Amino acid sequence: PDLGGTVFRPIRQSVVAKAMRVSQSRVSESLGRLVDEGYLDPGARNGTSNTYRLNLTHYAIEQIVDQQTAD
């Protein structure tokens, strides 16, 4: 698995919605929020899927800031 966030992976919203038992619009909104908050980087469309890359740098920085703020 690419845990370094270097590869864009296709995400089919309809598949995620079915697996999570939520509406496709809910999945779309949630993915959009993750993009807006910097956790996902959007890529090109891949057929019927959107592609995203996990932004671990953003997550790591947020964790460090949270930890330093708590100290």
Protein backbone atom coordinates (compact mmCIF):
# COMPACT_ATOMS: atom_id res chain seq x y z
CA PRO A 1 0.00 0.00 0.00
CA ASP A 2 1.05 3.57 -0.69
CA LEU A 3 0.94 5.12 2.77
CA GLY A 4 3.27 7.91 1.73
CA GLY A 5 0.55 9.59 -0.27
CA THR A 6 2.52 9.61 -3.51
CA VAL A 7 -0.01 7.86 -5.74
CA PHE A 8 -3.45 9.10 -6.75
CA ARG A 9 -6.04 6.39 -6.16
CA PRO A 10 -9.43 6.17 -7.86
CA ILE A 11 -12.43 6.51 -5.57
CA ARG A 12 -15.85 5.63 -6.94
CA GLN A 13 -18.38 7.55 -4.87
CA SER A 14 -21.20 5.10 -5.60
CA VAL A 15 -19.14 2.19 -4.25
CA VAL A 16 -18.19 4.09 -1.10
CA ALA A 17 -21.80 5.17 -0.58
CA LYS A 18 -23.06 1.60 -0.87
CA ALA A 19 -20.36 0.24 1.46
CA MET A 20 -21.02 2.95 4.06
CA ARG A 21 -24.81 2.84 3.57
CA VAL A 22 -25.03 6.57 2.96
CA SER A 23 -26.08 8.67 -0.01
CA GLN A 24 -23.70 9.38 -2.83
CA SER A 25 -24.15 13.11 -2.22
CA ARG A 26 -22.99 12.58 1.38
CA VAL A 27 -19.82 10.89 0.11
CA SER A 28 -19.25 13.70 -2.37
CA GLU A 29 -19.67 16.33 0.34
CA SER A 30 -17.35 14.45 2.69
CA LEU A 31 -14.63 14.04 0.06
CA GLY A 32 -14.97 17.73 -0.77
CA ARG A 33 -14.52 18.63 2.87
CA LEU A 34 -11.41 16.44 3.13
CA VAL A 35 -10.01 18.23 0.08
CA ASP A 36 -10.92 21.66 1.52
CA GLU A 37 -9.26 20.80 4.84
CA GLY A 38 -6.10 19.58 3.11
CA TYR A 39 -6.31 15.86 3.93
CA LEU A 40 -6.83 14.82 0.30
CA ASP A 41 -5.29 16.21 -2.87
CA PRO A 42 -7.64 15.89 -5.86
CA GLY A 43 -6.34 14.43 -9.09
CA ALA A 44 -7.73 13.80 -12.53
CA ARG A 45 -10.86 11.79 -13.28
CA ASN A 46 -10.15 8.18 -14.11
CA GLY A 47 -13.10 6.91 -16.14
CA THR A 48 -16.05 6.92 -13.75
CA SER A 49 -13.92 7.60 -10.67
CA ASN A 50 -12.32 10.67 -9.18
CA THR A 51 -8.74 10.25 -8.02
CA TYR A 52 -7.32 11.48 -4.74
CA ARG A 53 -4.00 11.37 -2.96
CA LEU A 54 -3.77 11.24 0.83
CA ASN A 55 -1.91 14.29 2.12
CA LEU A 56 -0.01 12.82 5.07
CA THR A 57 2.18 15.91 5.38
CA HIS A 58 -0.86 18.01 6.28
CA TYR A 59 -1.98 15.41 8.82
CA ALA A 60 1.49 15.10 10.38
CA ILE A 61 1.87 18.87 10.76
CA GLU A 62 -1.55 19.13 12.35
CA GLN A 63 -0.66 16.38 14.84
CA ILE A 64 2.61 18.10 15.79
CA VAL A 65 0.87 21.44 16.29
CA ASP A 66 -1.86 19.82 18.38
CA GLN A 67 0.73 18.04 20.51
CA GLN A 68 2.77 21.21 21.08
CA THR A 69 -0.36 23.18 21.93
CA ALA A 70 -1.33 20.56 24.52
CA ASP A 71 2.08 20.73 26.24
